[in-house]
Amino acid sequence: MPVRRPNPNPGAGALDKPDRPEAVEARDLIVGRASEISHEAALRDLTSSELKERLDEWTHEAGKGGRNTCLRKEGAEPCHEGCAPQEAGHSSMG
């Protein structure tokens, strides 16, 4: 089976604030789905907290100039030419 690698996403760097409408909508959809599945307030709250933390981290990294922001799992192979390890400035959301 061929290895699937993420594509670079230049638009990911445009997420400059965690409260942008598209980020809020995505977060609310995911939190709502988690709540529907578990029916537990604690899981809903944890999901919301984790997503907020990820969005904060993402926008912090995206706000640093000269960086390529891409979505890939930690430890995964580079997703595009010039893709560097997370500690060199990429955000990993995985």
C-alpha atoms as a PDB file:
ATOM      1  CA  MET A   1       0.000   0.000   0.000  1.00  0.00           C
ATOM      2  CA  PRO A   2       1.468   3.401  -0.914  1.00  0.00           C
ATOM      3  CA  VAL A   3       2.298   5.805   1.865  1.00  0.00           C
ATOM      4  CA  ARG A   4      -0.050   8.776   1.910  1.00  0.00           C
ATOM      5  CA  ARG A   5       1.609  12.048   2.729  1.00  0.00           C
ATOM      6  CA  PRO A   6      -0.176  15.283   3.525  1.00  0.00           C
ATOM      7  CA  ASN A   7      -0.068  18.052   0.999  1.00  0.00           C
ATOM      8  CA  PRO A   8       1.409  21.393   1.906  1.00  0.00           C
ATOM      9  CA  ASN A   9      -1.331  23.856   2.790  1.00  0.00           C
ATOM     10  CA  PRO A  10      -0.268  27.478   2.284  1.00  0.00           C
ATOM     11  CA  GLY A  11      -3.641  28.626   3.614  1.00  0.00           C
ATOM     12  CA  ALA A  12      -2.866  27.085   6.997  1.00  0.00           C
ATOM     13  CA  GLY A  13      -0.499  29.955   7.688  1.00  0.00           C
ATOM     14  CA  ALA A  14      -3.396  32.379   7.227  1.00  0.00           C
ATOM     15  CA  LEU A  15      -4.982  31.184  10.478  1.00  0.00           C
ATOM     16  CA  ASP A  16      -3.678  34.128  12.463  1.00  0.00           C
ATOM     17  CA  LYS A  17      -6.215  34.168  15.319  1.00  0.00           C
ATOM     18  CA  PRO A  18      -7.881  31.238  17.080  1.00  0.00           C
ATOM     19  CA  ASP A  19     -11.203  33.100  17.088  1.00  0.00           C
ATOM     20  CA  ARG A  20     -11.471  33.441  13.298  1.00  0.00           C
ATOM     21  CA  PRO A  21     -14.963  32.390  12.185  1.00  0.00           C
ATOM     22  CA  GLU A  22     -13.771  29.302  10.309  1.00  0.00           C
ATOM     23  CA  ALA A  23     -11.744  28.116  13.309  1.00  0.00           C
ATOM     24  CA  VAL A  24     -14.639  28.724  15.710  1.00  0.00           C
ATOM     25  CA  GLU A  25     -17.048  26.889  13.403  1.00  0.00           C
ATOM     26  CA  ALA A  26     -14.723  23.876  13.079  1.00  0.00           C
ATOM     27  CA  ARG A  27     -14.072  23.788  16.825  1.00  0.00           C
ATOM     28  CA  ASP A  28     -17.795  24.002  17.624  1.00  0.00           C
ATOM     29  CA  LEU A  29     -18.603  21.188  15.181  1.00  0.00           C
ATOM     30  CA  ILE A  30     -15.989  18.895  16.704  1.00  0.00           C
ATOM     31  CA  VAL A  31     -16.996  19.719  20.288  1.00  0.00           C
ATOM     32  CA  GLY A  32     -20.657  19.195  19.400  1.00  0.00           C
ATOM     33  CA  ARG A  33     -19.919  15.820  17.845  1.00  0.00           C
ATOM     34  CA  ALA A  34     -17.911  14.698  20.882  1.00  0.00           C
ATOM     35  CA  SER A  35     -20.782  15.763  23.114  1.00  0.00           C
ATOM     36  CA  GLU A  36     -23.360  13.919  20.991  1.00  0.00           C
ATOM     37  CA  ILE A  37     -21.344  10.715  21.125  1.00  0.00           C
ATOM     38  CA  SER A  38     -20.450  10.688  24.811  1.00  0.00           C
ATOM     39  CA  HIS A  39     -23.253  12.708  26.419  1.00  0.00           C
ATOM     40  CA  GLU A  40     -20.681  13.644  29.070  1.00  0.00           C
ATOM     41  CA  ALA A  41     -19.988  17.262  29.959  1.00  0.00           C
ATOM     42  CA  ALA A  42     -16.446  16.355  31.032  1.00  0.00           C
ATOM     43  CA  LEU A  43     -15.586  15.016  27.562  1.00  0.00           C
ATOM     44  CA  ARG A  44     -17.169  18.049  25.907  1.00  0.00           C
ATOM     45  CA  ASP A  45     -15.106  20.352  28.122  1.00  0.00           C
ATOM     46  CA  LEU A  46     -11.904  18.372  27.531  1.00  0.00           C
ATOM     47  CA  THR A  47     -12.444  18.423  23.761  1.00  0.00           C
ATOM     48  CA  SER A  48     -13.055  22.158  23.805  1.00  0.00           C
ATOM     49  CA  SER A  49      -9.972  22.768  25.951  1.00  0.00           C
ATOM     50  CA  GLU A  50      -7.713  20.585  23.783  1.00  0.00           C
ATOM     51  CA  LEU A  51      -8.900  22.236  20.574  1.00  0.00           C
ATOM     52  CA  LYS A  52      -8.401  25.692  22.035  1.00  0.00           C
ATOM     53  CA  GLU A  53      -4.864  24.747  23.031  1.00  0.00           C
ATOM     54  CA  ARG A  54      -4.132  23.368  19.545  1.00  0.00           C
ATOM     55  CA  LEU A  55      -5.542  26.456  17.836  1.00  0.00           C
ATOM     56  CA  ASP A  56      -3.533  28.740  20.115  1.00  0.00           C
ATOM     57  CA  GLU A  57      -0.366  26.781  19.343  1.00  0.00           C
ATOM     58  CA  TRP A  58      -1.127  26.754  15.620  1.00  0.00           C
ATOM     59  CA  THR A  59      -1.740  30.495  15.393  1.00  0.00           C
ATOM     60  CA  HIS A  60       1.367  31.189  17.467  1.00  0.00           C
ATOM     61  CA  GLU A  61       3.506  29.165  15.036  1.00  0.00           C
ATOM     62  CA  ALA A  62       1.755  30.529  11.947  1.00  0.00           C
ATOM     63  CA  GLY A  63       2.440  34.061  13.166  1.00  0.00           C
ATOM     64  CA  LYS A  64       6.195  33.540  13.061  1.00  0.00           C
ATOM     65  CA  GLY A  65       7.580  34.829   9.792  1.00  0.00           C
ATOM     66  CA  GLY A  66       9.402  32.645   7.298  1.00  0.00           C
ATOM     67  CA  ARG A  67       7.773  29.403   8.346  1.00  0.00           C
ATOM     68  CA  ASN A  68       5.977  26.743   6.380  1.00  0.00           C
ATOM     69  CA  THR A  69       2.930  25.635   8.315  1.00  0.00           C
ATOM     70  CA  CYS A  70       1.812  22.150   7.410  1.00  0.00           C
ATOM     71  CA  LEU A  71      -0.356  19.480   8.954  1.00  0.00           C
ATOM     72  CA  ARG A  72       1.331  16.180   9.716  1.00  0.00           C
ATOM     73  CA  LYS A  73       1.682  13.711  12.521  1.00  0.00           C
ATOM     74  CA  GLU A  74       4.661  13.989  14.823  1.00  0.00           C
ATOM     75  CA  GLY A  75       7.501  11.843  13.561  1.00  0.00           C
ATOM     76  CA  ALA A  76       6.028  11.607  10.059  1.00  0.00           C
ATOM     77  CA  GLU A  77       8.178  12.040   6.999  1.00  0.00           C
ATOM     78  CA  PRO A  78       8.320  15.553   5.521  1.00  0.00           C
ATOM     79  CA  CYS A  79       5.179  16.316   3.534  1.00  0.00           C
ATOM     80  CA  HIS A  80       6.796  18.583   0.956  1.00  0.00           C
ATOM     81  CA  GLU A  81      10.140  19.816  -0.216  1.00  0.00           C
ATOM     82  CA  GLY A  82      11.560  22.150   2.375  1.00  0.00           C
ATOM     83  CA  CYS A  83       9.432  20.659   5.138  1.00  0.00           C
ATOM     84  CA  ALA A  84      11.419  20.650   8.344  1.00  0.00           C
ATOM     85  CA  PRO A  85      10.904  18.917  11.684  1.00  0.00           C
ATOM     86  CA  GLN A  86       8.397  20.460  14.088  1.00  0.00           C
ATOM     87  CA  GLU A  87      11.054  21.966  16.292  1.00  0.00           C
ATOM     88  CA  ALA A  88      12.393  23.885  13.298  1.00  0.00           C
ATOM     89  CA  GLY A  89       9.132  25.759  12.969  1.00  0.00           C
ATOM     90  CA  HIS A  90       6.379  23.526  11.697  1.00  0.00           C
ATOM     91  CA  SER A  91       3.207  22.937  13.599  1.00  0.00           C
ATOM     92  CA  SER A  92       2.203  19.344  14.053  1.00  0.00           C
ATOM     93  CA  MET A  93      -1.444  18.732  14.780  1.00  0.00           C
ATOM     94  CA  GLY A  94      -1.288  15.047  15.149  1.00  0.00           C
END
